[in-house]
All heavy atoms as atom14 arrays in JSON, in Angstrom:
{
  "sequence": "YIQHSAHIVPGRDGLFNLVKSLPAELKHEWELIMAERDMVM",
  "atom14_mask": [
    [1, 1, 1, 1, 1, 1, 1, 1, 1, 1, 1, 1, 0, 0],
    [1, 1, 1, 1, 1, 1, 1, 1, 0, 0, 0, 0, 0, 0],
    [1, 1, 1, 1, 1, 1, 1, 1, 1, 0, 0, 0, 0, 0],
    [1, 1, 1, 1, 1, 1, 1, 1, 1, 1, 0, 0, 0, 0],
    [1, 1, 1, 1, 1, 1, 0, 0, 0, 0, 0, 0, 0, 0],
    [1, 1, 1, 1, 1, 0, 0, 0, 0, 0, 0, 0, 0, 0],
    [1, 1, 1, 1, 1, 1, 1, 1, 1, 1, 0, 0, 0, 0],
    [1, 1, 1, 1, 1, 1, 1, 1, 0, 0, 0, 0, 0, 0],
    [1, 1, 1, 1, 1, 1, 1, 0, 0, 0, 0, 0, 0, 0],
    [1, 1, 1, 1, 1, 1, 1, 0, 0, 0, 0, 0, 0, 0],
    [1, 1, 1, 1, 0, 0, 0, 0, 0, 0, 0, 0, 0, 0],
    [1, 1, 1, 1, 1, 1, 1, 1, 1, 1, 1, 0, 0, 0],
    [1, 1, 1, 1, 1, 1, 1, 1, 0, 0, 0, 0, 0, 0],
    [1, 1, 1, 1, 0, 0, 0, 0, 0, 0, 0, 0, 0, 0],
    [1, 1, 1, 1, 1, 1, 1, 1, 0, 0, 0, 0, 0, 0],
    [1, 1, 1, 1, 1, 1, 1, 1, 1, 1, 1, 0, 0, 0],
    [1, 1, 1, 1, 1, 1, 1, 1, 0, 0, 0, 0, 0, 0],
    [1, 1, 1, 1, 1, 1, 1, 1, 0, 0, 0, 0, 0, 0],
    [1, 1, 1, 1, 1, 1, 1, 0, 0, 0, 0, 0, 0, 0],
    [1, 1, 1, 1, 1, 1, 1, 1, 1, 0, 0, 0, 0, 0],
    [1, 1, 1, 1, 1, 1, 0, 0, 0, 0, 0, 0, 0, 0],
    [1, 1, 1, 1, 1, 1, 1, 1, 0, 0, 0, 0, 0, 0],
    [1, 1, 1, 1, 1, 1, 1, 0, 0, 0, 0, 0, 0, 0],
    [1, 1, 1, 1, 1, 0, 0, 0, 0, 0, 0, 0, 0, 0],
    [1, 1, 1, 1, 1, 1, 1, 1, 1, 0, 0, 0, 0, 0],
    [1, 1, 1, 1, 1, 1, 1, 1, 0, 0, 0, 0, 0, 0],
    [1, 1, 1, 1, 1, 1, 1, 1, 1, 0, 0, 0, 0, 0],
    [1, 1, 1, 1, 1, 1, 1, 1, 1, 1, 0, 0, 0, 0],
    [1, 1, 1, 1, 1, 1, 1, 1, 1, 0, 0, 0, 0, 0],
    [1, 1, 1, 1, 1, 1, 1, 1, 1, 1, 1, 1, 1, 1],
    [1, 1, 1, 1, 1, 1, 1, 1, 1, 0, 0, 0, 0, 0],
    [1, 1, 1, 1, 1, 1, 1, 1, 0, 0, 0, 0, 0, 0],
    [1, 1, 1, 1, 1, 1, 1, 1, 0, 0, 0, 0, 0, 0],
    [1, 1, 1, 1, 1, 1, 1, 1, 0, 0, 0, 0, 0, 0],
    [1, 1, 1, 1, 1, 0, 0, 0, 0, 0, 0, 0, 0, 0],
    [1, 1, 1, 1, 1, 1, 1, 1, 1, 0, 0, 0, 0, 0],
    [1, 1, 1, 1, 1, 1, 1, 1, 1, 1, 1, 0, 0, 0],
    [1, 1, 1, 1, 1, 1, 1, 1, 0, 0, 0, 0, 0, 0],
    [1, 1, 1, 1, 1, 1, 1, 1, 0, 0, 0, 0, 0, 0],
    [1, 1, 1, 1, 1, 1, 1, 0, 0, 0, 0, 0, 0, 0],
    [1, 1, 1, 1, 1, 1, 1, 1, 0, 0, 0, 0, 0, 0]
  ],
  "atom14_positions": [
    [[-32.63, -9.7, -28.86], [-31.82, -9.14, -29.86], [-31.88, -7.53, -29.81], [-32.93, -6.94, -29.89], [-32.16, -9.6, -31.29], [-31.43, -9.13, -32.52], [-30.13, -9.49, -32.73], [-32.04, -8.42, -33.59], [-29.35, -9.13, -33.73], [-31.33, -8.1, -34.62], [-30.01, -8.44, -34.76], [-29.28, -8.0, -35.9], [0.0, 0.0, 0.0], [0.0, 0.0, 0.0]],
    [[-30.72, -6.9, -29.76], [-30.64, -5.46, -29.75], [-30.21, -4.95, -31.14], [-29.21, -5.39, -31.66], [-29.5, -4.98, -28.69], [-29.86, -5.55, -27.27], [-29.43, -3.5, -28.59], [-28.86, -5.38, -26.29], [0.0, 0.0, 0.0], [0.0, 0.0, 0.0], [0.0, 0.0, 0.0], [0.0, 0.0, 0.0], [0.0, 0.0, 0.0], [0.0, 0.0, 0.0]],
    [[-31.0, -3.96, -31.72], [-30.83, -3.47, -33.04], [-30.42, -2.03, -32.99], [-31.21, -1.27, -32.5], [-32.16, -3.68, -33.77], [-32.19, -3.24, -35.17], [-31.23, -4.08, -36.09], [-30.16, -3.68, -36.25], [-31.65, -5.25, -36.5], [0.0, 0.0, 0.0], [0.0, 0.0, 0.0], [0.0, 0.0, 0.0], [0.0, 0.0, 0.0], [0.0, 0.0, 0.0]],
    [[-29.27, -1.72, -33.5], [-28.84, -0.38, -33.47], [-28.95, 0.28, -34.88], [-28.66, 1.46, -35.03], [-27.31, -0.27, -33.1], [-27.03, -0.66, -31.67], [-27.17, 0.22, -30.67], [-26.68, -1.87, -31.15], [-26.83, -0.34, -29.53], [-26.54, -1.7, -29.81], [0.0, 0.0, 0.0], [0.0, 0.0, 0.0], [0.0, 0.0, 0.0], [0.0, 0.0, 0.0]],
    [[-29.44, -0.36, -35.85], [-29.66, 0.1, -37.08], [-30.82, 1.16, -37.18], [-31.77, 0.93, -36.57], [-30.01, -1.01, -38.17], [-30.4, -0.54, -39.39], [0.0, 0.0, 0.0], [0.0, 0.0, 0.0], [0.0, 0.0, 0.0], [0.0, 0.0, 0.0], [0.0, 0.0, 0.0], [0.0, 0.0, 0.0], [0.0, 0.0, 0.0], [0.0, 0.0, 0.0]],
    [[-30.58, 2.22, -37.91], [-31.41, 3.41, -37.95], [-32.71, 3.05, -38.76], [-33.7, 3.79, -38.62], [-30.65, 4.59, -38.5], [0.0, 0.0, 0.0], [0.0, 0.0, 0.0], [0.0, 0.0, 0.0], [0.0, 0.0, 0.0], [0.0, 0.0, 0.0], [0.0, 0.0, 0.0], [0.0, 0.0, 0.0], [0.0, 0.0, 0.0], [0.0, 0.0, 0.0]],
    [[-32.65, 2.13, -39.52], [-33.81, 1.71, -40.46], [-34.48, 0.43, -40.22], [-35.24, 0.01, -40.96], [-33.35, 1.8, -41.9], [-32.35, 0.79, -42.23], [-30.9, 1.04, -42.02], [-32.45, -0.47, -42.73], [-30.39, -0.03, -42.4], [-31.19, -0.99, -42.78], [0.0, 0.0, 0.0], [0.0, 0.0, 0.0], [0.0, 0.0, 0.0], [0.0, 0.0, 0.0]],
    [[-34.35, -0.07, -38.99], [-34.99, -1.35, -38.7], [-35.58, -1.23, -37.35], [-34.85, -0.7, -36.36], [-33.85, -2.6, -38.65], [-33.17, -2.67, -40.02], [-34.61, -3.86, -38.26], [-32.09, -3.72, -40.06], [0.0, 0.0, 0.0], [0.0, 0.0, 0.0], [0.0, 0.0, 0.0], [0.0, 0.0, 0.0], [0.0, 0.0, 0.0], [0.0, 0.0, 0.0]],
    [[-36.81, -1.58, -37.11], [-37.48, -1.61, -35.86], [-36.79, -2.49, -34.85], [-36.3, -3.41, -35.31], [-38.91, -2.02, -35.91], [-39.76, -2.19, -34.76], [-39.65, -1.07, -37.01], [0.0, 0.0, 0.0], [0.0, 0.0, 0.0], [0.0, 0.0, 0.0], [0.0, 0.0, 0.0], [0.0, 0.0, 0.0], [0.0, 0.0, 0.0], [0.0, 0.0, 0.0]],
    [[-36.8, -2.12, -33.51], [-36.0, -2.97, -32.58], [-36.41, -4.35, -32.49], [-37.44, -4.71, -32.8], [-36.29, -2.18, -31.24], [-36.67, -0.8, -31.74], [-37.38, -0.87, -32.98], [0.0, 0.0, 0.0], [0.0, 0.0, 0.0], [0.0, 0.0, 0.0], [0.0, 0.0, 0.0], [0.0, 0.0, 0.0], [0.0, 0.0, 0.0], [0.0, 0.0, 0.0]],
    [[-35.37, -5.11, -32.07], [-35.72, -6.59, -31.78], [-35.68, -7.57, -32.92], [-35.55, -7.12, -34.05], [0.0, 0.0, 0.0], [0.0, 0.0, 0.0], [0.0, 0.0, 0.0], [0.0, 0.0, 0.0], [0.0, 0.0, 0.0], [0.0, 0.0, 0.0], [0.0, 0.0, 0.0], [0.0, 0.0, 0.0], [0.0, 0.0, 0.0], [0.0, 0.0, 0.0]],
    [[-35.64, -8.79, -32.58], [-35.63, -9.82, -33.63], [-36.81, -9.74, -34.56], [-36.73, -9.93, -35.75], [-35.62, -11.2, -32.9], [-35.55, -12.37, -33.9], [-35.35, -13.7, -33.22], [-36.57, -14.16, -32.44], [-36.63, -15.09, -31.69], [-35.58, -15.91, -31.47], [-37.73, -15.47, -31.17], [0.0, 0.0, 0.0], [0.0, 0.0, 0.0], [0.0, 0.0, 0.0]],
    [[-37.99, -9.51, -33.91], [-39.21, -9.36, -34.81], [-39.18, -8.21, -35.68], [-39.64, -8.33, -36.91], [-40.44, -9.14, -33.91], [-40.82, -10.45, -33.14], [-40.35, -11.55, -33.62], [-41.61, -10.32, -32.2], [0.0, 0.0, 0.0], [0.0, 0.0, 0.0], [0.0, 0.0, 0.0], [0.0, 0.0, 0.0], [0.0, 0.0, 0.0], [0.0, 0.0, 0.0]],
    [[-38.46, -7.11, -35.36], [-38.34, -5.99, -36.26], [-37.52, -6.36, -37.41], [-37.92, -5.99, -38.45], [0.0, 0.0, 0.0], [0.0, 0.0, 0.0], [0.0, 0.0, 0.0], [0.0, 0.0, 0.0], [0.0, 0.0, 0.0], [0.0, 0.0, 0.0], [0.0, 0.0, 0.0], [0.0, 0.0, 0.0], [0.0, 0.0, 0.0], [0.0, 0.0, 0.0]],
    [[-36.41, -7.15, -37.22], [-35.73, -7.62, -38.42], [-36.38, -8.53, -39.14], [-36.41, -8.46, -40.4], [-34.28, -8.22, -37.88], [-33.54, -8.92, -38.84], [-32.93, -7.85, -39.92], [-32.29, -9.7, -38.13], [0.0, 0.0, 0.0], [0.0, 0.0, 0.0], [0.0, 0.0, 0.0], [0.0, 0.0, 0.0], [0.0, 0.0, 0.0], [0.0, 0.0, 0.0]],
    [[-36.99, -9.48, -38.63], [-37.7, -10.59, -39.38], [-38.92, -9.98, -40.15], [-39.05, -10.3, -41.27], [-38.16, -11.66, -38.48], [-37.19, -12.61, -37.97], [-35.84, -12.27, -37.94], [-37.55, -13.9, -37.46], [-34.84, -13.19, -37.47], [-36.58, -14.71, -36.96], [-35.22, -14.49, -36.96], [0.0, 0.0, 0.0], [0.0, 0.0, 0.0], [0.0, 0.0, 0.0]],
    [[-39.51, -9.01, -39.57], [-40.77, -8.39, -40.24], [-40.21, -7.57, -41.45], [-40.86, -7.34, -42.52], [-41.44, -7.53, -39.29], [-42.3, -8.35, -38.3], [-42.65, -9.61, -38.74], [-42.68, -7.9, -37.25], [0.0, 0.0, 0.0], [0.0, 0.0, 0.0], [0.0, 0.0, 0.0], [0.0, 0.0, 0.0], [0.0, 0.0, 0.0], [0.0, 0.0, 0.0]],
    [[-39.05, -6.85, -41.24], [-38.38, -6.16, -42.37], [-38.18, -7.04, -43.64], [-38.55, -6.81, -44.69], [-37.2, -5.39, -42.0], [-36.43, -4.89, -43.16], [-37.1, -3.55, -43.76], [-35.01, -4.45, -42.76], [0.0, 0.0, 0.0], [0.0, 0.0, 0.0], [0.0, 0.0, 0.0], [0.0, 0.0, 0.0], [0.0, 0.0, 0.0], [0.0, 0.0, 0.0]],
    [[-37.46, -8.23, -43.25], [-37.08, -9.14, -44.29], [-38.49, -9.72, -44.93], [-38.5, -9.85, -46.21], [-36.31, -10.2, -43.81], [-35.95, -11.3, -44.9], [-34.9, -9.7, -43.29], [0.0, 0.0, 0.0], [0.0, 0.0, 0.0], [0.0, 0.0, 0.0], [0.0, 0.0, 0.0], [0.0, 0.0, 0.0], [0.0, 0.0, 0.0], [0.0, 0.0, 0.0]],
    [[-39.52, -9.98, -44.16], [-40.75, -10.54, -44.7], [-41.38, -9.51, -45.7], [-42.04, -9.92, -46.63], [-41.64, -10.84, -43.47], [-41.38, -12.03, -42.82], [-42.35, -12.23, -41.6], [-41.79, -13.47, -40.74], [-42.6, -13.51, -39.56], [0.0, 0.0, 0.0], [0.0, 0.0, 0.0], [0.0, 0.0, 0.0], [0.0, 0.0, 0.0], [0.0, 0.0, 0.0]],
    [[-41.09, -8.14, -45.4], [-41.75, -7.15, -46.14], [-40.98, -6.96, -47.48], [-41.54, -6.28, -48.43], [-41.82, -5.79, -45.5], [-40.48, -5.19, -45.49], [0.0, 0.0, 0.0], [0.0, 0.0, 0.0], [0.0, 0.0, 0.0], [0.0, 0.0, 0.0], [0.0, 0.0, 0.0], [0.0, 0.0, 0.0], [0.0, 0.0, 0.0], [0.0, 0.0, 0.0]],
    [[-39.75, -7.4, -47.66], [-39.07, -7.23, -48.92], [-39.44, -8.35, -50.0], [-39.86, -9.45, -49.65], [-37.56, -7.28, -48.53], [-37.05, -6.2, -47.6], [-35.67, -6.43, -47.14], [-37.22, -4.8, -48.34], [0.0, 0.0, 0.0], [0.0, 0.0, 0.0], [0.0, 0.0, 0.0], [0.0, 0.0, 0.0], [0.0, 0.0, 0.0], [0.0, 0.0, 0.0]],
    [[-39.1, -8.01, -51.28], [-39.44, -9.01, -52.35], [-38.69, -10.37, -52.12], [-37.65, -10.37, -51.41], [-38.84, -8.37, -53.51], [-38.78, -6.82, -53.17], [-38.52, -6.85, -51.74], [0.0, 0.0, 0.0], [0.0, 0.0, 0.0], [0.0, 0.0, 0.0], [0.0, 0.0, 0.0], [0.0, 0.0, 0.0], [0.0, 0.0, 0.0], [0.0, 0.0, 0.0]],
    [[-39.32, -11.33, -52.64], [-38.79, -12.78, -52.5], [-37.45, -12.86, -53.17], [-36.61, -13.77, -52.81], [-39.75, -13.66, -53.12], [0.0, 0.0, 0.0], [0.0, 0.0, 0.0], [0.0, 0.0, 0.0], [0.0, 0.0, 0.0], [0.0, 0.0, 0.0], [0.0, 0.0, 0.0], [0.0, 0.0, 0.0], [0.0, 0.0, 0.0], [0.0, 0.0, 0.0]],
    [[-37.11, -11.84, -54.08], [-35.74, -11.93, -54.72], [-34.77, -11.53, -53.84], [-33.45, -11.51, -54.33], [-35.86, -11.17, -56.08], [-36.83, -11.58, -57.11], [-38.28, -11.3, -56.8], [-38.54, -10.38, -56.0], [-39.2, -12.03, -57.27], [0.0, 0.0, 0.0], [0.0, 0.0, 0.0], [0.0, 0.0, 0.0], [0.0, 0.0, 0.0], [0.0, 0.0, 0.0]],
    [[-34.93, -10.99, -52.74], [-33.85, -10.43, -51.81], [-32.78, -11.54, -51.67], [-33.02, -12.67, -51.37], [-34.35, -10.18, -50.36], [-33.31, -9.72, -49.42], [-32.82, -8.4, -49.83], [-33.87, -9.75, -48.03], [0.0, 0.0, 0.0], [0.0, 0.0, 0.0], [0.0, 0.0, 0.0], [0.0, 0.0, 0.0], [0.0, 0.0, 0.0], [0.0, 0.0, 0.0]],
    [[-31.54, -11.13, -51.79], [-30.39, -12.09, -51.6], [-29.25, -11.2, -50.95], [-29.03, -10.18, -51.14], [-29.87, -12.53, -52.93], [-30.78, -13.4, -53.69], [-31.01, -14.78, -52.94], [-32.11, -15.62, -53.67], [-32.91, -16.33, -52.81], [0.0, 0.0, 0.0], [0.0, 0.0, 0.0], [0.0, 0.0, 0.0], [0.0, 0.0, 0.0], [0.0, 0.0, 0.0]],
    [[-28.54, -12.0, -50.1], [-27.34, -11.47, -49.41], [-26.21, -12.39, -49.89], [-26.24, -13.53, -49.8], [-27.45, -11.53, -47.91], [-26.22, -10.97, -47.21], [-25.14, -11.92, -46.88], [-25.88, -9.7, -46.99], [-24.13, -11.2, -46.28], [-24.54, -9.84, -46.36], [0.0, 0.0, 0.0], [0.0, 0.0, 0.0], [0.0, 0.0, 0.0], [0.0, 0.0, 0.0]],
    [[-25.06, -11.6, -50.22], [-23.8, -12.35, -50.48], [-22.78, -11.67, -49.84], [-22.72, -10.48, -49.54], [-23.53, -12.34, -52.02], [-23.36, -10.92, -52.6], [-23.28, -10.81, -54.12], [-22.19, -11.51, -54.71], [-24.08, -10.27, -54.75], [0.0, 0.0, 0.0], [0.0, 0.0, 0.0], [0.0, 0.0, 0.0], [0.0, 0.0, 0.0], [0.0, 0.0, 0.0]],
    [[-21.8, -12.47, -49.18], [-20.74, -11.85, -48.41], [-19.48, -11.9, -49.19], [-19.2, -12.88, -50.0], [-20.64, -12.5, -46.98], [-20.32, -13.99, -47.04], [-21.32, -14.92, -47.13], [-19.08, -14.59, -47.04], [-20.74, -16.2, -47.16], [-19.39, -16.05, -47.05], [-17.77, -14.12, -46.98], [-18.23, -16.88, -47.09], [-16.76, -15.08, -46.93], [-16.99, -16.33, -47.05]],
    [[-18.66, -10.96, -48.91], [-17.3, -10.89, -49.6], [-16.18, -10.98, -48.5], [-15.27, -11.52, -48.89], [-17.23, -9.55, -50.27], [-15.84, -9.33, -51.0], [-15.83, -8.1, -51.82], [-16.14, -6.97, -51.23], [-15.29, -8.14, -52.93], [0.0, 0.0, 0.0], [0.0, 0.0, 0.0], [0.0, 0.0, 0.0], [0.0, 0.0, 0.0], [0.0, 0.0, 0.0]],
    [[-16.52, -10.66, -47.25], [-15.38, -10.67, -46.26], [-16.17, -10.77, -44.95], [-17.15, -10.18, -44.64], [-14.64, -9.36, -46.32], [-13.64, -9.18, -45.19], [-12.47, -10.15, -45.39], [-13.13, -7.78, -45.24], [0.0, 0.0, 0.0], [0.0, 0.0, 0.0], [0.0, 0.0, 0.0], [0.0, 0.0, 0.0], [0.0, 0.0, 0.0], [0.0, 0.0, 0.0]],
    [[-15.71, -11.72, -44.08], [-16.14, -11.93, -42.74], [-14.8, -11.97, -41.9], [-13.98, -12.67, -42.08], [-16.9, -13.12, -42.51], [-18.1, -13.13, -43.5], [-17.39, -13.36, -41.12], [-19.02, -14.36, -43.28], [0.0, 0.0, 0.0], [0.0, 0.0, 0.0], [0.0, 0.0, 0.0], [0.0, 0.0, 0.0], [0.0, 0.0, 0.0], [0.0, 0.0, 0.0]],
    [[-14.88, -11.07, -40.87], [-13.78, -11.06, -39.95], [-14.39, -11.09, -38.47], [-15.53, -10.68, -38.27], [-13.09, -9.57, -40.07], [-12.47, -9.31, -41.44], [-11.84, -7.77, -41.63], [-10.54, -7.63, -40.49], [0.0, 0.0, 0.0], [0.0, 0.0, 0.0], [0.0, 0.0, 0.0], [0.0, 0.0, 0.0], [0.0, 0.0, 0.0], [0.0, 0.0, 0.0]],
    [[-13.54, -11.64, -37.55], [-14.05, -11.82, -36.25], [-12.88, -11.54, -35.16], [-11.69, -11.85, -35.49], [-14.54, -13.18, -36.06], [0.0, 0.0, 0.0], [0.0, 0.0, 0.0], [0.0, 0.0, 0.0], [0.0, 0.0, 0.0], [0.0, 0.0, 0.0], [0.0, 0.0, 0.0], [0.0, 0.0, 0.0], [0.0, 0.0, 0.0], [0.0, 0.0, 0.0]],
    [[-13.29, -10.94, -34.08], [-12.44, -10.84, -33.02], [-13.29, -10.99, -31.7], [-14.27, -10.3, -31.47], [-11.75, -9.42, -33.08], [-10.72, -9.29, -31.91], [-9.99, -8.02, -31.99], [-9.75, -7.54, -32.98], [-9.64, -7.56, -30.91], [0.0, 0.0, 0.0], [0.0, 0.0, 0.0], [0.0, 0.0, 0.0], [0.0, 0.0, 0.0], [0.0, 0.0, 0.0]],
    [[-12.92, -12.03, -30.88], [-13.58, -12.35, -29.63], [-15.13, -12.57, -29.95], [-15.38, -13.4, -30.79], [-13.37, -11.31, -28.59], [-11.94, -11.2, -28.14], [-11.62, -10.32, -26.9], [-12.1, -8.97, -27.19], [-11.36, -7.97, -27.85], [-10.15, -8.3, -28.33], [-11.92, -6.72, -27.89], [0.0, 0.0, 0.0], [0.0, 0.0, 0.0], [0.0, 0.0, 0.0]],
    [[-15.99, -11.73, -29.38], [-17.46, -11.96, -29.62], [-18.0, -11.14, -30.65], [-19.3, -11.09, -30.88], [-18.15, -11.76, -28.34], [-18.11, -10.29, -27.79], [-17.33, -9.5, -28.38], [-18.98, -9.96, -26.98], [0.0, 0.0, 0.0], [0.0, 0.0, 0.0], [0.0, 0.0, 0.0], [0.0, 0.0, 0.0], [0.0, 0.0, 0.0], [0.0, 0.0, 0.0]],
    [[-17.15, -10.5, -31.47], [-17.71, -9.64, -32.57], [-17.36, -10.16, -33.93], [-16.24, -10.62, -34.12], [-17.05, -8.19, -32.53], [-17.53, -7.45, -31.23], [-19.24, -6.99, -31.18], [-19.48, -5.87, -32.59], [0.0, 0.0, 0.0], [0.0, 0.0, 0.0], [0.0, 0.0, 0.0], [0.0, 0.0, 0.0], [0.0, 0.0, 0.0], [0.0, 0.0, 0.0]],
    [[-18.35, -10.02, -34.82], [-18.2, -10.44, -36.29], [-18.54, -9.3, -37.19], [-19.56, -8.72, -36.92], [-18.96, -11.73, -36.58], [-18.85, -12.17, -38.04], [-18.62, -12.89, -35.73], [0.0, 0.0, 0.0], [0.0, 0.0, 0.0], [0.0, 0.0, 0.0], [0.0, 0.0, 0.0], [0.0, 0.0, 0.0], [0.0, 0.0, 0.0], [0.0, 0.0, 0.0]],
    [[-17.81, -9.09, -38.17], [-18.0, -8.08, -39.21], [-18.17, -8.73, -40.54], [-17.37, -9.55, -40.97], [-16.86, -7.01, -39.29], [-17.02, -5.96, -40.27], [-15.65, -5.05, -40.69], [-14.83, -6.14, -41.85], [0.0, 0.0, 0.0], [0.0, 0.0, 0.0], [0.0, 0.0, 0.0], [0.0, 0.0, 0.0], [0.0, 0.0, 0.0], [0.0, 0.0, 0.0]]
  ]
}
């Protein structure tokens, strides 16, 4: 996994470790999802 975010350590482990470090109350809700070819927003 390639991570371009300025506040997340590279790779899948970087993302997973960030989420693990956040409170158990963390939630994500989506309002809009768009896709074109291999890209999703």
